[in-house]
């Protein structure tokens, strides 16, 4: 890789940024800040990074449909509805 082609696209200032998950349909990157107790959705085209605070450690995020993700959290698997900002334990 040519280091001259590398550029920073988001200076997230995450405490512990991990678990990138690309959503091809939405063209966004989901990622977690484990210690920051949140997950984020980054739109590469607009440069917008939206944060979703959870209130506990988040280890992974996977898209589960429009405006919904499944999270691996400190207390177990949970569904999160981004539009309503609601967290529900998965069955």
PDB file of N, CA and C in Angstrom:
ATOM      1  N   UNK A   1       0.842  -1.170   0.000  1.00  0.00           N
ATOM      2  CA  UNK A   1       0.000   0.000   0.000  1.00  0.00           C
ATOM      3  C   UNK A   1       0.891   1.238   0.000  1.00  0.00           C
ATOM      4  N   UNK A   2       0.548   2.171  -0.799  1.00  0.00           N
ATOM      5  CA  UNK A   2       1.277   3.435  -0.886  1.00  0.00           C
ATOM      6  C   UNK A   2       0.777   4.368   0.202  1.00  0.00           C
ATOM      7  N   UNK A   3       1.642   4.713   1.165  1.00  0.00           N
ATOM      8  CA  UNK A   3       1.229   5.539   2.297  1.00  0.00           C
ATOM      9  C   UNK A   3       0.795   6.931   1.877  1.00  0.00           C
ATOM     10  N   UNK A   4       1.131   7.354   0.670  1.00  0.00           N
ATOM     11  CA  UNK A   4       0.716   8.670   0.197  1.00  0.00           C
ATOM     12  C   UNK A   4      -0.787   8.721  -0.092  1.00  0.00           C
ATOM     13  N   UNK A   5      -1.426   7.555  -0.237  1.00  0.00           N
ATOM     14  CA  UNK A   5      -2.858   7.491  -0.540  1.00  0.00           C
ATOM     15  C   UNK A   5      -3.728   7.313   0.692  1.00  0.00           C
ATOM     16  N   UNK A   6      -3.132   7.253   1.872  1.00  0.00           N
ATOM     17  CA  UNK A   6      -3.878   7.057   3.099  1.00  0.00           C
ATOM     18  C   UNK A   6      -4.321   8.411   3.641  1.00  0.00           C
ATOM     19  N   UNK A   7      -5.600   8.493   4.037  1.00  0.00           N
ATOM     20  CA  UNK A   7      -6.088   9.730   4.621  1.00  0.00           C
ATOM     21  C   UNK A   7      -7.080   9.434   5.734  1.00  0.00           C
ATOM     22  N   UNK A   8      -7.124  10.287   6.714  1.00  0.00           N
ATOM     23  CA  UNK A   8      -8.059  10.178   7.822  1.00  0.00           C
ATOM     24  C   UNK A   8      -9.417  10.702   7.359  1.00  0.00           C
ATOM     25  N   UNK A   9     -10.459   9.882   7.480  1.00  0.00           N
ATOM     26  CA  UNK A   9     -11.789  10.320   7.065  1.00  0.00           C
ATOM     27  C   UNK A   9     -12.669  10.675   8.258  1.00  0.00           C
ATOM     28  N   UNK A  10     -12.300  10.223   9.459  1.00  0.00           N
ATOM     29  CA  UNK A  10     -13.073  10.532  10.658  1.00  0.00           C
ATOM     30  C   UNK A  10     -12.148  10.535  11.863  1.00  0.00           C
ATOM     31  N   UNK A  11     -12.035  11.667  12.510  1.00  0.00           N
ATOM     32  CA  UNK A  11     -11.264  11.763  13.748  1.00  0.00           C
ATOM     33  C   UNK A  11     -12.251  11.577  14.897  1.00  0.00           C
ATOM     34  N   UNK A  12     -12.606  10.330  15.177  1.00  0.00           N
ATOM     35  CA  UNK A  12     -13.689   9.988  16.094  1.00  0.00           C
ATOM     36  C   UNK A  12     -13.358  10.229  17.564  1.00  0.00           C
ATOM     37  N   UNK A  13     -12.099  10.286  17.893  1.00  0.00           N
ATOM     38  CA  UNK A  13     -11.683  10.454  19.292  1.00  0.00           C
ATOM     39  C   UNK A  13     -12.304   9.362  20.184  1.00  0.00           C
ATOM     40  N   UNK A  14     -12.418   8.172  19.649  1.00  0.00           N
ATOM     41  CA  UNK A  14     -12.988   7.043  20.390  1.00  0.00           C
ATOM     42  C   UNK A  14     -12.027   6.601  21.486  1.00  0.00           C
ATOM     43  N   UNK A  15     -12.589   6.135  22.585  1.00  0.00           N
ATOM     44  CA  UNK A  15     -11.777   5.601  23.668  1.00  0.00           C
ATOM     45  C   UNK A  15     -11.208   4.238  23.264  1.00  0.00           C
ATOM     46  N   UNK A  16     -12.050   3.373  22.693  1.00  0.00           N
ATOM     47  CA  UNK A  16     -11.622   2.073  22.185  1.00  0.00           C
ATOM     48  C   UNK A  16     -12.521   1.690  21.014  1.00  0.00           C
ATOM     49  N   UNK A  17     -12.189   2.209  19.822  1.00  0.00           N
ATOM     50  CA  UNK A  17     -12.965   1.954  18.615  1.00  0.00           C
ATOM     51  C   UNK A  17     -12.655   0.584  18.050  1.00  0.00           C
ATOM     52  N   UNK A  18     -13.689  -0.208  17.778  1.00  0.00           N
ATOM     53  CA  UNK A  18     -13.534  -1.585  17.301  1.00  0.00           C
ATOM     54  C   UNK A  18     -14.699  -1.979  16.399  1.00  0.00           C
ATOM     55  N   UNK A  19     -14.640  -3.210  15.914  1.00  0.00           N
ATOM     56  CA  UNK A  19     -15.747  -3.898  15.277  1.00  0.00           C
ATOM     57  C   UNK A  19     -16.387  -3.234  14.081  1.00  0.00           C
ATOM     58  N   UNK A  20     -15.611  -2.794  13.095  1.00  0.00           N
ATOM     59  CA  UNK A  20     -16.256  -2.174  11.936  1.00  0.00           C
ATOM     60  C   UNK A  20     -17.131  -3.184  11.185  1.00  0.00           C
ATOM     61  N   UNK A  21     -18.306  -2.710  10.752  1.00  0.00           N
ATOM     62  CA  UNK A  21     -19.241  -3.547  10.005  1.00  0.00           C
ATOM     63  C   UNK A  21     -19.856  -2.699   8.898  1.00  0.00           C
ATOM     64  N   UNK A  22     -19.487  -2.999   7.639  1.00  0.00           N
ATOM     65  CA  UNK A  22     -19.971  -2.232   6.492  1.00  0.00           C
ATOM     66  C   UNK A  22     -21.354  -2.714   6.087  1.00  0.00           C
ATOM     67  N   UNK A  23     -22.286  -1.780   5.909  1.00  0.00           N
ATOM     68  CA  UNK A  23     -23.614  -2.106   5.417  1.00  0.00           C
ATOM     69  C   UNK A  23     -23.687  -1.643   3.968  1.00  0.00           C
ATOM     70  N   UNK A  24     -23.626  -2.572   3.059  1.00  0.00           N
ATOM     71  CA  UNK A  24     -23.592  -2.269   1.626  1.00  0.00           C
ATOM     72  C   UNK A  24     -24.880  -1.587   1.155  1.00  0.00           C
ATOM     73  N   UNK A  25     -26.020  -2.022   1.676  1.00  0.00           N
ATOM     74  CA  UNK A  25     -27.298  -1.448   1.260  1.00  0.00           C
ATOM     75  C   UNK A  25     -27.407   0.034   1.644  1.00  0.00           C
ATOM     76  N   UNK A  26     -27.028   0.364   2.872  1.00  0.00           N
ATOM     77  CA  UNK A  26     -27.105   1.740   3.354  1.00  0.00           C
ATOM     78  C   UNK A  26     -25.875   2.568   2.987  1.00  0.00           C
ATOM     79  N   UNK A  27     -24.793   1.881   2.625  1.00  0.00           N
ATOM     80  CA  UNK A  27     -23.503   2.530   2.326  1.00  0.00           C
ATOM     81  C   UNK A  27     -22.979   3.295   3.544  1.00  0.00           C
ATOM     82  N   UNK A  28     -23.057   2.645   4.716  1.00  0.00           N
ATOM     83  CA  UNK A  28     -22.558   3.227   5.952  1.00  0.00           C
ATOM     84  C   UNK A  28     -21.713   2.196   6.703  1.00  0.00           C
ATOM     85  N   UNK A  29     -20.855   2.706   7.559  1.00  0.00           N
ATOM     86  CA  UNK A  29     -20.006   1.865   8.392  1.00  0.00           C
ATOM     87  C   UNK A  29     -20.485   1.949   9.831  1.00  0.00           C
ATOM     88  N   UNK A  30     -20.839   0.805  10.395  1.00  0.00           N
ATOM     89  CA  UNK A  30     -21.174   0.730  11.815  1.00  0.00           C
ATOM     90  C   UNK A  30     -19.898   0.356  12.563  1.00  0.00           C
ATOM     91  N   UNK A  31     -19.717   0.916  13.745  1.00  0.00           N
ATOM     92  CA  UNK A  31     -18.565   0.575  14.573  1.00  0.00           C
ATOM     93  C   UNK A  31     -18.900   0.863  16.033  1.00  0.00           C
ATOM     94  N   UNK A  32     -18.122   0.305  16.950  1.00  0.00           N
ATOM     95  CA  UNK A  32     -18.383   0.481  18.377  1.00  0.00           C
ATOM     96  C   UNK A  32     -17.225   1.195  19.059  1.00  0.00           C
ATOM     97  N   UNK A  33     -17.548   1.926  20.102  1.00  0.00           N
ATOM     98  CA  UNK A  33     -16.567   2.455  21.048  1.00  0.00           C
ATOM     99  C   UNK A  33     -16.858   1.717  22.342  1.00  0.00           C
ATOM    100  N   UNK A  34     -16.127   0.647  22.566  1.00  0.00           N
ATOM    101  CA  UNK A  34     -16.425  -0.262  23.675  1.00  0.00           C
ATOM    102  C   UNK A  34     -16.458   0.475  25.008  1.00  0.00           C
ATOM    103  N   UNK A  35     -15.369   1.117  25.369  1.00  0.00           N
ATOM    104  CA  UNK A  35     -15.267   1.805  26.651  1.00  0.00           C
ATOM    105  C   UNK A  35     -16.159   3.051  26.674  1.00  0.00           C
ATOM    106  N   UNK A  36     -16.374   3.658  25.531  1.00  0.00           N
ATOM    107  CA  UNK A  36     -17.263   4.813  25.428  1.00  0.00           C
ATOM    108  C   UNK A  36     -18.731   4.449  25.532  1.00  0.00           C
ATOM    109  N   UNK A  37     -19.050   3.140  25.594  1.00  0.00           N
ATOM    110  CA  UNK A  37     -20.405   2.616  25.767  1.00  0.00           C
ATOM    111  C   UNK A  37     -21.379   3.113  24.704  1.00  0.00           C
ATOM    112  N   UNK A  38     -20.934   3.022  23.445  1.00  0.00           N
ATOM    113  CA  UNK A  38     -21.798   3.460  22.345  1.00  0.00           C
ATOM    114  C   UNK A  38     -21.424   2.735  21.063  1.00  0.00           C
ATOM    115  N   UNK A  39     -22.340   2.795  20.096  1.00  0.00           N
ATOM    116  CA  UNK A  39     -21.997   2.396  18.743  1.00  0.00           C
ATOM    117  C   UNK A  39     -22.276   3.589  17.847  1.00  0.00           C
ATOM    118  N   UNK A  40     -21.680   3.561  16.662  1.00  0.00           N
ATOM    119  CA  UNK A  40     -21.799   4.695  15.751  1.00  0.00           C
ATOM    120  C   UNK A  40     -22.114   4.214  14.341  1.00  0.00           C
ATOM    121  N   UNK A  41     -22.646   5.147  13.558  1.00  0.00           N
ATOM    122  CA  UNK A  41     -22.945   4.894  12.152  1.00  0.00           C
ATOM    123  C   UNK A  41     -22.298   6.036  11.364  1.00  0.00           C
ATOM    124  N   UNK A  42     -21.328   5.667  10.522  1.00  0.00           N
ATOM    125  CA  UNK A  42     -20.575   6.660   9.767  1.00  0.00           C
ATOM    126  C   UNK A  42     -20.938   6.586   8.288  1.00  0.00           C
ATOM    127  N   UNK A  43     -21.346   7.726   7.741  1.00  0.00           N
ATOM    128  CA  UNK A  43     -21.678   7.844   6.323  1.00  0.00           C
ATOM    129  C   UNK A  43     -20.465   8.436   5.613  1.00  0.00           C
ATOM    130  N   UNK A  44     -19.775   7.614   4.861  1.00  0.00           N
ATOM    131  CA  UNK A  44     -18.553   8.039   4.181  1.00  0.00           C
ATOM    132  C   UNK A  44     -18.818   9.167   3.185  1.00  0.00           C
ATOM    133  N   UNK A  45     -19.979   9.121   2.523  1.00  0.00           N
ATOM    134  CA  UNK A  45     -20.305  10.127   1.511  1.00  0.00           C
ATOM    135  C   UNK A  45     -20.505  11.522   2.111  1.00  0.00           C
ATOM    136  N   UNK A  46     -21.222  11.599   3.235  1.00  0.00           N
ATOM    137  CA  UNK A  46     -21.504  12.899   3.851  1.00  0.00           C
ATOM    138  C   UNK A  46     -20.504  13.280   4.934  1.00  0.00           C
ATOM    139  N   UNK A  47     -19.777  12.276   5.443  1.00  0.00           N
ATOM    140  CA  UNK A  47     -18.839  12.517   6.542  1.00  0.00           C
ATOM    141  C   UNK A  47     -19.523  12.588   7.896  1.00  0.00           C
ATOM    142  N   UNK A  48     -20.832  12.304   7.946  1.00  0.00           N
ATOM    143  CA  UNK A  48     -21.584  12.361   9.195  1.00  0.00           C
ATOM    144  C   UNK A  48     -21.378  11.086   9.997  1.00  0.00           C
ATOM    145  N   UNK A  49     -21.057  11.251  11.285  1.00  0.00           N
ATOM    146  CA  UNK A  49     -20.926  10.125  12.196  1.00  0.00           C
ATOM    147  C   UNK A  49     -21.935  10.314  13.318  1.00  0.00           C
ATOM    148  N   UNK A  50     -22.908   9.413  13.377  1.00  0.00           N
ATOM    149  CA  UNK A  50     -23.960   9.500  14.385  1.00  0.00           C
ATOM    150  C   UNK A  50     -23.667   8.521  15.511  1.00  0.00           C
ATOM    151  N   UNK A  51     -23.725   9.006  16.763  1.00  0.00           N
ATOM    152  CA  UNK A  51     -23.447   8.173  17.931  1.00  0.00           C
ATOM    153  C   UNK A  51     -24.737   7.750  18.617  1.00  0.00           C
ATOM    154  N   UNK A  52     -24.727   6.523  19.130  1.00  0.00           N
ATOM    155  CA  UNK A  52     -25.863   5.966  19.840  1.00  0.00           C
ATOM    156  C   UNK A  52     -25.378   5.453  21.192  1.00  0.00           C
ATOM    157  N   UNK A  53     -25.467   6.263  22.252  1.00  0.00           N
ATOM    158  CA  UNK A  53     -25.034   5.835  23.585  1.00  0.00           C
ATOM    159  C   UNK A  53     -25.904   4.695  24.103  1.00  0.00           C
ATOM    160  N   UNK A  54     -25.261   3.694  24.698  1.00  0.00           N
ATOM    161  CA  UNK A  54     -25.970   2.515  25.183  1.00  0.00           C
ATOM    162  C   UNK A  54     -25.976   2.448  26.712  1.00  0.00           C
ATOM    163  N   UNK A  55     -24.949   2.955  27.353  1.00  0.00           N
ATOM    164  CA  UNK A  55     -24.890   2.921  28.810  1.00  0.00           C
ATOM    165  C   UNK A  55     -24.216   1.689  29.378  1.00  0.00           C
ATOM    166  N   UNK A  56     -23.611   0.903  28.509  1.00  0.00           N
ATOM    167  CA  UNK A  56     -22.812  -0.255  28.932  1.00  0.00           C
ATOM    168  C   UNK A  56     -21.849  -0.601  27.802  1.00  0.00           C
ATOM    169  N   UNK A  57     -20.859  -1.436  28.107  1.00  0.00           N
ATOM    170  CA  UNK A  57     -19.875  -1.798  27.087  1.00  0.00           C
ATOM    171  C   UNK A  57     -20.566  -2.455  25.892  1.00  0.00           C
ATOM    172  N   UNK A  58     -20.141  -2.076  24.692  1.00  0.00           N
ATOM    173  CA  UNK A  58     -20.662  -2.655  23.451  1.00  0.00           C
ATOM    174  C   UNK A  58     -19.488  -3.274  22.708  1.00  0.00           C
ATOM    175  N   UNK A  59     -19.560  -4.580  22.437  1.00  0.00           N
ATOM    176  CA  UNK A  59     -18.455  -5.273  21.798  1.00  0.00           C
ATOM    177  C   UNK A  59     -18.588  -5.433  20.301  1.00  0.00           C
ATOM    178  N   UNK A  60     -19.827  -5.416  19.786  1.00  0.00           N
ATOM    179  CA  UNK A  60     -20.039  -5.614  18.354  1.00  0.00           C
ATOM    180  C   UNK A  60     -21.407  -5.079  17.963  1.00  0.00           C
ATOM    181  N   UNK A  61     -21.516  -4.695  16.685  1.00  0.00           N
ATOM    182  CA  UNK A  61     -22.781  -4.221  16.135  1.00  0.00           C
ATOM    183  C   UNK A  61     -22.963  -4.831  14.749  1.00  0.00           C
ATOM    184  N   UNK A  62     -24.182  -5.330  14.463  1.00  0.00           N
ATOM    185  CA  UNK A  62     -24.505  -5.919  13.166  1.00  0.00           C
ATOM    186  C   UNK A  62     -25.879  -5.402  12.746  1.00  0.00           C
ATOM    187  N   UNK A  63     -25.984  -4.961  11.512  1.00  0.00           N
ATOM    188  CA  UNK A  63     -27.254  -4.455  10.985  1.00  0.00           C
ATOM    189  C   UNK A  63     -28.272  -5.590  10.932  1.00  0.00           C
ATOM    190  N   UNK A  64     -29.519  -5.262  11.347  1.00  0.00           N
ATOM    191  CA  UNK A  64     -30.577  -6.275  11.371  1.00  0.00           C
ATOM    192  C   UNK A  64     -31.831  -5.799  10.649  1.00  0.00           C
ATOM    193  N   UNK A  65     -31.693  -4.843   9.772  1.00  0.00           N
ATOM    194  CA  UNK A  65     -32.833  -4.302   9.048  1.00  0.00           C
ATOM    195  C   UNK A  65     -32.796  -2.793   9.065  1.00  0.00           C
ATOM    196  N   UNK A  66     -33.799  -2.187   8.475  1.00  0.00           N
ATOM    197  CA  UNK A  66     -33.843  -0.731   8.412  1.00  0.00           C
ATOM    198  C   UNK A  66     -33.956  -0.143   9.819  1.00  0.00           C
ATOM    199  N   UNK A  67     -33.004   0.703  10.165  1.00  0.00           N
ATOM    200  CA  UNK A  67     -32.959   1.394  11.461  1.00  0.00           C
ATOM    201  C   UNK A  67     -32.884   0.461  12.662  1.00  0.00           C
ATOM    202  N   UNK A  68     -32.403  -0.762  12.466  1.00  0.00           N
ATOM    203  CA  UNK A  68     -32.266  -1.685  13.584  1.00  0.00           C
ATOM    204  C   UNK A  68     -30.946  -2.436  13.504  1.00  0.00           C
ATOM    205  N   UNK A  69     -30.327  -2.608  14.673  1.00  0.00           N
ATOM    206  CA  UNK A  69     -29.084  -3.374  14.760  1.00  0.00           C
ATOM    207  C   UNK A  69     -29.182  -4.341  15.930  1.00  0.00           C
ATOM    208  N   UNK A  70     -28.319  -5.345  15.910  1.00  0.00           N
ATOM    209  CA  UNK A  70     -28.155  -6.239  17.049  1.00  0.00           C
ATOM    210  C   UNK A  70     -26.792  -5.937  17.635  1.00  0.00           C
ATOM    211  N   UNK A  71     -26.761  -5.791  18.950  1.00  0.00           N
ATOM    212  CA  UNK A  71     -25.540  -5.457  19.664  1.00  0.00           C
ATOM    213  C   UNK A  71     -25.119  -6.594  20.576  1.00  0.00           C
ATOM    214  N   UNK A  72     -23.814  -6.819  20.676  1.00  0.00           N
ATOM    215  CA  UNK A  72     -23.265  -7.695  21.703  1.00  0.00           C
ATOM    216  C   UNK A  72     -22.801  -6.750  22.800  1.00  0.00           C
ATOM    217  N   UNK A  73     -23.532  -6.744  23.916  1.00  0.00           N
ATOM    218  CA  UNK A  73     -23.243  -5.808  25.005  1.00  0.00           C
ATOM    219  C   UNK A  73     -22.762  -6.554  26.244  1.00  0.00           C
ATOM    220  N   UNK A  74     -22.394  -5.776  27.216  1.00  0.00           N
ATOM    221  CA  UNK A  74     -21.921  -6.301  28.493  1.00  0.00           C
ATOM    222  C   UNK A  74     -22.961  -7.233  29.129  1.00  0.00           C
ATOM    223  N   UNK A  75     -24.245  -6.958  28.922  1.00  0.00           N
ATOM    224  CA  UNK A  75     -25.288  -7.772  29.551  1.00  0.00           C
ATOM    225  C   UNK A  75     -25.912  -8.804  28.617  1.00  0.00           C
ATOM    226  N   UNK A  76     -25.403  -8.913  27.374  1.00  0.00           N
ATOM    227  CA  UNK A  76     -25.927  -9.908  26.441  1.00  0.00           C
ATOM    228  C   UNK A  76     -26.293  -9.302  25.099  1.00  0.00           C
ATOM    229  N   UNK A  77     -26.914 -10.096  24.242  1.00  0.00           N
ATOM    230  CA  UNK A  77     -27.336  -9.610  22.927  1.00  0.00           C
ATOM    231  C   UNK A  77     -28.598  -8.766  23.073  1.00  0.00           C
ATOM    232  N   UNK A  78     -28.607  -7.631  22.358  1.00  0.00           N
ATOM    233  CA  UNK A  78     -29.742  -6.727  22.441  1.00  0.00           C
ATOM    234  C   UNK A  78     -30.040  -6.139  21.064  1.00  0.00           C
ATOM    235  N   UNK A  79     -31.292  -5.858  20.816  1.00  0.00           N
ATOM    236  CA  UNK A  79     -31.704  -5.167  19.591  1.00  0.00           C
ATOM    237  C   UNK A  79     -31.834  -3.686  19.912  1.00  0.00           C
ATOM    238  N   UNK A  80     -31.428  -2.854  18.956  1.00  0.00           N
ATOM    239  CA  UNK A  80     -31.526  -1.415  19.147  1.00  0.00           C
ATOM    240  C   UNK A  80     -32.215  -0.809  17.935  1.00  0.00           C
ATOM    241  N   UNK A  81     -33.299  -0.065  18.189  1.00  0.00           N
ATOM    242  CA  UNK A  81     -34.017   0.617  17.127  1.00  0.00           C
ATOM    243  C   UNK A  81     -33.525   2.059  17.107  1.00  0.00           C
ATOM    244  N   UNK A  82     -32.798   2.438  16.050  1.00  0.00           N
ATOM    245  CA  UNK A  82     -32.133   3.729  16.006  1.00  0.00           C
ATOM    246  C   UNK A  82     -33.098   4.902  15.906  1.00  0.00           C
ATOM    247  N   UNK A  83     -34.197   4.760  15.194  1.00  0.00           N
ATOM    248  CA  UNK A  83     -35.145   5.864  15.050  1.00  0.00           C
ATOM    249  C   UNK A  83     -35.778   6.221  16.393  1.00  0.00           C
ATOM    250  N   UNK A  84     -36.146   5.196  17.164  1.00  0.00           N
ATOM    251  CA  UNK A  84     -36.789   5.421  18.462  1.00  0.00           C
ATOM    252  C   UNK A  84     -35.790   5.418  19.618  1.00  0.00           C
ATOM    253  N   UNK A  85     -34.553   5.032  19.318  1.00  0.00           N
ATOM    254  CA  UNK A  85     -33.479   4.937  20.319  1.00  0.00           C
ATOM    255  C   UNK A  85     -33.900   4.062  21.503  1.00  0.00           C
ATOM    256  N   UNK A  86     -34.403   2.871  21.160  1.00  0.00           N
ATOM    257  CA  UNK A  86     -34.831   1.912  22.186  1.00  0.00           C
ATOM    258  C   UNK A  86     -33.967   0.663  22.120  1.00  0.00           C
ATOM    259  N   UNK A  87     -33.670   0.133  23.288  1.00  0.00           N
ATOM    260  CA  UNK A  87     -32.832  -1.049  23.447  1.00  0.00           C
ATOM    261  C   UNK A  87     -33.687  -2.161  24.031  1.00  0.00           C
ATOM    262  N   UNK A  88     -33.685  -3.339  23.391  1.00  0.00           N
ATOM    263  CA  UNK A  88     -34.499  -4.465  23.827  1.00  0.00           C
ATOM    264  C   UNK A  88     -33.635  -5.725  23.874  1.00  0.00           C
ATOM    265  N   UNK A  89     -33.648  -6.446  25.002  1.00  0.00           N
ATOM    266  CA  UNK A  89     -32.894  -7.702  25.064  1.00  0.00           C
ATOM    267  C   UNK A  89     -33.380  -8.665  23.979  1.00  0.00           C
ATOM    268  N   UNK A  90     -32.424  -9.323  23.303  1.00  0.00           N
ATOM    269  CA  UNK A  90     -32.782 -10.321  22.279  1.00  0.00           C
ATOM    270  C   UNK A  90     -33.207 -11.612  22.953  1.00  0.00           C
ATOM    271  N   UNK A  91     -34.080 -12.313  22.268  1.00  0.00           N
ATOM    272  CA  UNK A  91     -34.590 -13.586  22.807  1.00  0.00           C
ATOM    273  C   UNK A  91     -33.708 -14.710  22.407  1.00  0.00           C
TER     274      UNK A  91
END
